[in-house]
Amino acid sequence: MPRFLTRLTCDSVIRLNKRAYHVLDDVKSIAFKFPDANVAIIDEFVPLGSEKIPSGFLIQVEADATDIRESLQHSRAWAVAALSLCRFAGRGAVSLTKPLWSYEISPGIASREWRAVVCHPALDIGKRPIEVQVIGDMWSKLDAFMANANIKDDFKARVWRGIHAYRRSLSDNEDSLSEFLVLWTAFEGLDCVYRKSFPSRQSQFKDGLMTVLAALDPTVPFHAVEGLRDGIAHGAIDLNTAMQTAKSHMELVRNAVQFTVMRILGFDEAAAKQALSRPSVSSKFTPHFVLVGSLEIEPPPFDNFGSQPVVEPILGEVKTTRSGDKLNLAPSMSFRFLGPSAKLTVRGHELWGDKELGLSASGGATDVSVTKGPVE
């Protein structure tokens, strides 16, 4: 299987360096050799006045993958494993990672497949439209619910918790099992509110949960998802099985939380189901441009950060063409090539992300120029 080296970046409130500013001799990195991957981490420095200060981490992951796209996707999981240990030891927050580039490092290859992710904010414009009327209806019903003196404050807090849990599940989703448990806990917390809203339908704890899940997907046995949390806690379910169960039922549980909140607020069942007609979109699928090319280089070791071929993209003119409600982009890119002696060939670009968000790339090749720059 081909082997790839991928670099990622992330923000962090902890650092490896002792000092809060850059001193060349003090720069440290740490390497982790997992059974199926190697991961190295170093502080990333950004300029501030006359100094450079650590702003987060650079991570390099060496691992096998079926192709370069898979290497960019799977490298995040290996990075999370190493960064979780850093979080644990440093007792500080580290953000989700973003891939920067990847190239094949398998031995005996002259021309190596290469991808660079363009994270320029001007290109991060893929957004799903929502109906203002839907927000208005939601707010009207939520406002009336919160103002109702006959409803317990605890019930009001549980509804808000369900709304916040849904937001969190879409934004903070590096681990599927954690995301599922956040949603399920909020869902269980809404059970008593739902049963109070519809007392003729159910009376026992979790009757509300069963009613909602049966309304959304009667083919899914309630016990298949309901027992996941207790099964993990009591060792009845191994973590790999739990992870797969969480992934396969994630959209159902997201829908269950939203459906339950909407029904509690007074939406009828048809309106609540209509709101679920489009699949949810998490922050993992933010569209971004990926530059496609090849490298001719002898790969440095995975824990060598200073000798890697780094491309600094510079966004030039972006030509736009309207196509109905969508927008086609044809970006013009220039690059400063930082790193060792290597030959870089850029063939064009791809757009990665959720097509439903309404952003697409033009079919023509990206206008690319490459210049050589010093390593810093």
Protein backbone atom coordinates (compact mmCIF):
# COMPACT_ATOMS: atom_id res chain seq x y z
CA MET A 1 0.00 0.00 0.00
CA PRO A 2 1.31 3.52 -0.76
CA ARG A 3 2.72 5.58 2.10
CA PHE A 4 2.12 9.31 2.53
CA LEU A 5 3.34 12.21 4.62
CA THR A 6 0.71 14.78 5.59
CA ARG A 7 1.11 18.09 7.40
CA LEU A 8 -1.71 19.58 9.47
CA THR A 9 -2.14 22.65 11.65
CA CYS A 10 -4.24 23.54 14.68
CA ASP A 11 -4.68 26.29 17.26
CA SER A 12 -3.68 25.59 20.84
CA VAL A 13 -3.45 27.22 24.28
CA ILE A 14 -0.50 24.98 25.17
CA ARG A 15 2.98 24.90 23.61
CA LEU A 16 6.10 22.73 23.58
CA ASN A 17 8.61 25.58 23.90
CA LYS A 18 9.51 26.92 27.32
CA ARG A 19 9.60 30.54 26.21
CA ALA A 20 6.63 32.49 24.86
CA TYR A 21 8.72 33.68 21.91
CA HIS A 22 10.87 32.09 19.21
CA VAL A 23 14.48 31.18 19.95
CA LEU A 24 15.94 28.94 17.24
CA ASP A 25 17.93 26.71 19.58
CA ASP A 26 14.88 26.19 21.82
CA VAL A 27 12.56 24.87 19.13
CA LYS A 28 11.38 21.43 20.15
CA SER A 29 9.41 18.69 18.47
CA ILE A 30 7.96 15.48 19.81
CA ALA A 31 7.48 12.23 17.89
CA PHE A 32 5.01 9.39 18.43
CA LYS A 33 5.50 6.00 16.77
CA PHE A 34 2.15 4.22 16.67
CA PRO A 35 1.83 0.66 15.31
CA ASP A 36 0.46 1.90 11.96
CA ALA A 37 1.59 5.53 11.78
CA ASN A 38 4.25 7.99 12.88
CA VAL A 39 3.25 11.44 14.18
CA ALA A 40 5.48 14.44 14.93
CA ILE A 41 4.40 17.73 16.52
CA ILE A 42 6.15 21.11 16.70
CA ASP A 43 5.10 24.63 17.70
CA GLU A 44 3.92 26.85 14.85
CA PHE A 45 5.19 30.43 15.14
CA VAL A 46 3.58 33.59 13.75
CA PRO A 47 5.09 37.09 13.60
CA LEU A 48 4.10 39.66 16.22
CA GLY A 49 5.97 42.92 15.91
CA SER A 50 9.67 42.09 16.03
CA GLU A 51 9.06 38.67 17.60
CA LYS A 52 7.58 35.33 16.61
CA ILE A 53 5.17 33.71 19.03
CA PRO A 54 3.66 30.19 19.15
CA SER A 55 0.09 30.16 17.85
CA GLY A 56 -0.57 26.44 17.77
CA PHE A 57 0.96 23.24 16.44
CA LEU A 58 2.19 21.84 13.15
CA ILE A 59 1.66 18.09 12.91
CA GLN A 60 3.18 15.65 10.40
CA VAL A 61 1.66 12.21 9.96
CA GLU A 62 3.33 9.34 8.09
CA ALA A 63 0.94 6.49 7.33
CA ASP A 64 -0.28 4.09 4.65
CA ALA A 65 -3.40 4.91 2.65
CA THR A 66 -5.07 3.65 -0.51
CA ASP A 67 -4.67 7.06 -2.16
CA ILE A 68 -3.68 10.63 -1.37
CA ARG A 69 -7.21 11.78 -0.64
CA GLU A 70 -7.59 9.09 1.99
CA SER A 71 -4.23 10.11 3.47
CA LEU A 72 -5.49 13.66 3.99
CA GLN A 73 -8.66 12.40 5.63
CA HIS A 74 -7.18 9.65 7.83
CA SER A 75 -4.22 11.75 8.97
CA ARG A 76 -6.60 13.78 11.12
CA ALA A 77 -7.43 10.71 13.20
CA TRP A 78 -3.75 9.98 13.87
CA ALA A 79 -3.14 13.64 14.70
CA VAL A 80 -6.04 13.63 17.15
CA ALA A 81 -4.54 10.64 18.95
CA ALA A 82 -1.23 12.44 19.54
CA LEU A 83 -2.84 15.80 20.31
CA SER A 84 -5.19 14.20 22.82
CA LEU A 85 -2.16 13.07 24.79
CA CYS A 86 -0.77 16.62 24.61
CA ARG A 87 -4.10 17.98 25.85
CA PHE A 88 -4.13 15.47 28.67
CA ALA A 89 -0.55 16.13 29.78
CA GLY A 90 -0.67 19.89 29.24
CA ARG A 91 -4.18 20.33 30.64
CA GLY A 92 -5.11 22.74 27.88
CA ALA A 93 -7.36 23.01 24.83
CA VAL A 94 -6.26 22.18 21.29
CA SER A 95 -8.55 22.90 18.33
CA LEU A 96 -9.57 20.63 15.47
CA THR A 97 -6.85 20.08 12.89
CA LYS A 98 -6.79 21.35 9.30
CA PRO A 99 -4.71 19.55 6.64
CA LEU A 100 -2.18 21.66 4.74
CA TRP A 101 -0.55 19.25 2.28
CA SER A 102 0.23 15.62 1.58
CA TYR A 103 2.54 13.75 -0.78
CA GLU A 104 3.51 10.15 -1.42
CA ILE A 105 6.75 9.00 0.21
CA SER A 106 6.79 5.38 -0.96
CA PRO A 107 10.34 4.32 -1.92
CA GLY A 108 11.49 4.12 -5.52
CA ILE A 109 9.17 6.75 -7.00
CA ALA A 110 10.48 9.57 -9.19
CA SER A 111 7.30 11.67 -9.42
CA ARG A 112 5.23 11.75 -6.23
CA GLU A 113 1.55 12.69 -6.07
CA TRP A 114 1.05 15.90 -4.09
CA ARG A 115 -1.93 17.88 -2.78
CA ALA A 116 -2.04 21.24 -1.01
CA VAL A 117 -5.13 22.53 0.73
CA VAL A 118 -5.85 26.22 0.15
CA CYS A 119 -7.33 27.65 3.34
CA HIS A 120 -7.67 31.23 2.12
CA PRO A 121 -10.78 32.74 3.81
CA ALA A 122 -11.99 34.23 0.52
CA LEU A 123 -12.52 30.70 -0.80
CA ASP A 124 -14.37 29.46 2.28
CA ILE A 125 -17.70 30.75 1.00
CA GLY A 126 -19.74 27.58 0.67
CA LYS A 127 -22.86 28.13 2.74
CA ARG A 128 -26.23 26.39 2.79
CA PRO A 129 -29.19 28.77 2.50
CA ILE A 130 -31.88 28.61 5.17
CA GLU A 131 -35.38 30.06 5.09
CA VAL A 132 -35.74 33.21 7.19
CA GLN A 133 -39.39 32.27 7.71
CA VAL A 134 -38.31 29.03 9.39
CA ILE A 135 -36.10 30.96 11.83
CA GLY A 136 -38.98 33.36 12.48
CA ASP A 137 -41.39 30.53 13.21
CA MET A 138 -38.85 28.82 15.44
CA TRP A 139 -38.16 31.98 17.41
CA SER A 140 -41.86 32.82 17.79
CA LYS A 141 -42.62 29.43 19.29
CA LEU A 142 -39.45 29.35 21.42
CA ASP A 143 -40.17 32.84 22.76
CA ALA A 144 -43.72 31.86 23.69
CA PHE A 145 -42.47 28.68 25.37
CA MET A 146 -39.90 30.58 27.44
CA ALA A 147 -42.45 33.24 28.45
CA ASN A 148 -45.05 30.70 29.58
CA ALA A 149 -45.23 30.92 33.37
CA ASN A 150 -46.92 27.52 33.55
CA ILE A 151 -43.83 25.75 32.19
CA LYS A 152 -41.12 24.83 34.69
CA ASP A 153 -37.78 26.63 34.39
CA ASP A 154 -36.08 23.24 34.31
CA PHE A 155 -38.06 22.27 31.21
CA LYS A 156 -37.06 25.52 29.53
CA ALA A 157 -33.40 24.85 30.35
CA ARG A 158 -33.67 21.33 28.90
CA VAL A 159 -35.00 22.67 25.61
CA TRP A 160 -32.13 25.16 25.37
CA ARG A 161 -29.69 22.36 26.20
CA GLY A 162 -31.08 20.33 23.32
CA ILE A 163 -30.59 23.26 20.94
CA HIS A 164 -27.03 23.83 22.17
CA ALA A 165 -26.21 20.11 21.98
CA TYR A 166 -27.28 20.07 18.34
CA ARG A 167 -25.04 23.06 17.60
CA ARG A 168 -22.13 21.43 19.40
CA SER A 169 -22.55 18.13 17.57
CA LEU A 170 -22.17 19.84 14.19
CA SER A 171 -19.26 22.07 15.20
CA ASP A 172 -17.16 19.97 17.59
CA ASN A 173 -17.17 16.58 15.92
CA GLU A 174 -13.65 15.18 15.77
CA ASP A 175 -14.85 12.04 17.58
CA SER A 176 -18.07 10.34 16.49
CA LEU A 177 -18.63 8.56 19.79
CA SER A 178 -18.34 11.77 21.82
CA GLU A 179 -20.68 13.54 19.40
CA PHE A 180 -23.24 10.76 19.70
CA LEU A 181 -23.13 10.77 23.51
CA VAL A 182 -23.57 14.56 23.67
CA LEU A 183 -26.67 14.28 21.49
CA TRP A 184 -28.07 11.24 23.28
CA THR A 185 -27.67 12.84 26.71
CA ALA A 186 -29.58 15.91 25.52
CA PHE A 187 -32.21 13.64 23.92
CA GLU A 188 -32.72 11.75 27.18
CA GLY A 189 -32.92 15.06 29.00
CA LEU A 190 -35.84 16.06 26.79
CA ASP A 191 -37.81 12.88 27.49
CA CYS A 192 -39.65 14.22 30.55
CA VAL A 193 -40.52 17.45 28.72
CA TYR A 194 -41.85 15.54 25.72
CA ARG A 195 -43.94 13.21 27.88
CA LYS A 196 -45.40 16.20 29.71
CA SER A 197 -46.28 17.79 26.35
CA PHE A 198 -47.99 14.61 25.11
CA PRO A 199 -49.18 12.85 28.29
CA SER A 200 -51.69 10.61 26.55
CA ARG A 201 -49.00 8.89 24.48
CA GLN A 202 -46.51 7.73 27.11
CA SER A 203 -46.00 7.77 30.85
CA GLN A 204 -42.78 5.92 31.69
CA PHE A 205 -39.18 7.12 31.43
CA LYS A 206 -37.89 6.77 27.84
CA ASP A 207 -41.40 6.30 26.41
CA GLY A 208 -40.93 9.68 24.75
CA LEU A 209 -37.62 8.60 23.24
CA MET A 210 -39.16 5.45 21.82
CA THR A 211 -42.08 7.40 20.35
CA VAL A 212 -39.77 9.87 18.61
CA LEU A 213 -37.40 7.26 17.18
CA ALA A 214 -40.31 5.15 15.94
CA ALA A 215 -41.77 8.22 14.21
CA LEU A 216 -38.46 8.99 12.50
CA ASP A 217 -37.29 5.49 11.56
CA PRO A 218 -39.39 2.50 12.71
CA THR A 219 -36.84 0.08 11.21
CA VAL A 220 -34.21 0.91 13.86
CA PRO A 221 -34.66 -1.13 17.08
CA PHE A 222 -34.72 1.21 20.08
CA HIS A 223 -32.26 -0.96 22.02
CA ALA A 224 -29.68 -0.65 19.22
CA VAL A 225 -29.03 2.98 20.13
CA GLU A 226 -30.49 3.30 23.62
CA GLY A 227 -28.05 0.87 25.21
CA LEU A 228 -24.91 2.38 23.73
CA ARG A 229 -24.01 4.66 26.64
CA ASP A 230 -24.67 2.06 29.37
CA GLY A 231 -22.95 -0.62 27.29
CA ILE A 232 -19.76 1.45 27.18
CA ALA A 233 -19.92 2.30 30.88
CA HIS A 234 -20.39 -1.33 31.94
CA GLY A 235 -18.05 -2.90 29.41
CA ALA A 236 -20.83 -4.74 27.59
CA ILE A 237 -19.89 -3.17 24.23
CA ASP A 238 -16.35 -2.91 22.90
CA LEU A 239 -15.32 0.57 21.78
CA ASN A 240 -14.90 -0.34 18.13
CA THR A 241 -18.46 -1.64 17.95
CA ALA A 242 -19.67 1.42 19.85
CA MET A 243 -17.92 3.74 17.39
CA GLN A 244 -19.50 2.03 14.39
CA THR A 245 -22.93 2.13 16.03
CA ALA A 246 -22.52 5.83 16.76
CA LYS A 247 -21.48 6.63 13.18
CA SER A 248 -24.30 4.64 11.58
CA HIS A 249 -26.98 6.27 13.77
CA MET A 250 -25.58 9.81 14.04
CA GLU A 251 -28.02 11.43 11.64
CA LEU A 252 -30.96 9.67 13.31
CA VAL A 253 -30.00 11.02 16.75
CA ARG A 254 -29.40 14.52 15.37
CA ASN A 255 -32.86 14.37 13.83
CA ALA A 256 -34.34 13.04 17.07
CA VAL A 257 -33.06 16.01 19.09
CA GLN A 258 -34.32 18.55 16.55
CA PHE A 259 -37.67 16.79 16.09
CA THR A 260 -38.24 16.52 19.85
CA VAL A 261 -37.48 20.21 20.45
CA MET A 262 -39.76 21.29 17.62
CA ARG A 263 -42.63 19.10 18.81
CA ILE A 264 -42.25 20.41 22.37
CA LEU A 265 -42.37 23.99 21.05
CA GLY A 266 -45.65 23.28 19.27
CA PHE A 267 -44.75 22.38 15.67
CA ASP A 268 -46.98 19.66 14.28
CA GLU A 269 -45.37 16.38 13.25
CA ALA A 270 -45.48 17.14 9.52
CA ALA A 271 -43.71 20.49 9.97
CA ALA A 272 -41.07 18.97 12.24
CA LYS A 273 -40.36 16.20 9.73
CA GLN A 274 -40.20 18.72 6.89
CA ALA A 275 -37.38 20.50 8.73
CA LEU A 276 -35.41 17.23 8.64
CA SER A 277 -35.83 16.70 4.88
CA ARG A 278 -32.30 17.92 4.13
CA PRO A 279 -29.34 16.10 5.72
CA SER A 280 -27.37 17.99 8.34
CA VAL A 281 -23.97 19.41 7.37
CA SER A 282 -21.16 19.34 9.91
CA SER A 283 -18.07 21.52 9.93
CA LYS A 284 -16.01 18.60 8.61
CA PHE A 285 -17.38 19.31 5.15
CA THR A 286 -16.47 22.98 4.77
CA PRO A 287 -15.55 23.36 1.09
CA HIS A 288 -11.94 24.08 0.26
CA PHE A 289 -9.74 24.08 -2.81
CA VAL A 290 -7.11 21.41 -3.17
CA LEU A 291 -4.20 22.01 -5.54
CA VAL A 292 -3.26 18.90 -7.51
CA GLY A 293 0.26 18.17 -8.63
CA SER A 294 3.42 16.11 -8.29
CA LEU A 295 6.81 16.44 -6.61
CA GLU A 296 10.24 15.16 -7.50
CA ILE A 297 12.05 14.92 -4.17
CA GLU A 298 13.79 12.52 -1.82
CA PRO A 299 11.45 12.66 1.20
CA PRO A 300 12.96 13.82 4.52
CA PRO A 301 12.09 11.89 7.72
CA PHE A 302 8.57 12.32 9.11
CA ASP A 303 9.82 14.36 12.10
CA ASN A 304 11.85 16.77 9.96
CA PHE A 305 9.84 20.00 9.64
CA GLY A 306 12.44 22.37 8.22
CA SER A 307 13.28 20.41 5.07
CA GLN A 308 9.80 19.64 3.83
CA PRO A 309 8.54 21.11 0.53
CA VAL A 310 6.09 23.79 1.65
CA VAL A 311 3.98 25.82 -0.74
CA GLU A 312 2.61 29.18 0.37
CA PRO A 313 -0.48 29.94 -1.76
CA ILE A 314 -1.31 33.51 -2.73
CA LEU A 315 -4.82 34.15 -4.01
CA GLY A 316 -5.07 36.42 -7.04
CA GLU A 317 -8.13 37.25 -9.06
CA VAL A 318 -11.11 34.92 -8.65
CA LYS A 319 -13.44 34.87 -11.63
CA THR A 320 -17.03 34.06 -10.71
CA THR A 321 -19.93 32.89 -12.84
CA ARG A 322 -23.48 32.59 -11.59
CA SER A 323 -25.32 29.36 -12.37
CA GLY A 324 -28.85 29.56 -10.99
CA ASP A 325 -28.49 29.76 -7.21
CA LYS A 326 -24.94 28.42 -7.36
CA LEU A 327 -21.61 30.10 -7.99
CA ASN A 328 -18.76 28.74 -10.13
CA LEU A 329 -15.27 29.88 -9.20
CA ALA A 330 -12.13 30.05 -11.32
CA PRO A 331 -9.34 31.18 -8.98
CA SER A 332 -5.95 32.51 -10.01
CA MET A 333 -3.20 31.31 -7.68
CA SER A 334 0.46 32.12 -7.30
CA PHE A 335 2.81 30.30 -4.96
CA ARG A 336 6.01 30.81 -3.08
CA PHE A 337 7.79 27.46 -2.96
CA LEU A 338 9.62 27.04 0.35
CA GLY A 339 11.91 24.15 1.08
CA PRO A 340 14.65 21.96 -0.32
CA SER A 341 15.67 21.40 -3.89
CA ALA A 342 12.63 19.82 -5.50
CA LYS A 343 10.60 20.07 -8.67
CA LEU A 344 6.94 20.92 -8.21
CA THR A 345 4.38 20.53 -10.98
CA VAL A 346 0.86 21.89 -10.36
CA ARG A 347 -1.74 20.46 -12.74
CA GLY A 348 -4.91 22.13 -11.52
CA HIS A 349 -7.38 22.09 -8.63
CA GLU A 350 -10.27 20.17 -7.14
CA LEU A 351 -13.08 21.29 -4.87
CA TRP A 352 -13.61 19.09 -1.82
CA GLY A 353 -16.67 19.42 0.35
CA ASP A 354 -20.41 19.03 0.46
CA LYS A 355 -21.91 19.72 -2.98
CA GLU A 356 -25.19 20.61 -1.33
CA LEU A 357 -23.65 23.81 0.01
CA GLY A 358 -23.83 25.40 -3.42
CA LEU A 359 -20.17 25.99 -4.32
CA SER A 360 -18.52 24.43 -7.33
CA ALA A 361 -15.20 24.81 -9.13
CA SER A 362 -14.88 25.57 -12.81
CA GLY A 363 -13.78 22.81 -15.13
CA GLY A 364 -10.69 24.65 -16.36
CA ALA A 365 -7.26 24.37 -14.83
CA THR A 366 -6.24 26.86 -12.18
CA ASP A 367 -3.96 29.64 -13.35
CA VAL A 368 -0.79 28.85 -11.42
CA SER A 369 2.63 30.40 -11.15
CA VAL A 370 5.40 29.14 -8.87
CA THR A 371 8.35 31.07 -7.47
CA LYS A 372 11.19 29.93 -5.24
CA GLY A 373 11.51 31.38 -1.74
CA PRO A 374 13.78 30.94 1.26
CA VAL A 375 13.10 28.60 4.13
CA GLU A 376 12.24 30.46 7.32
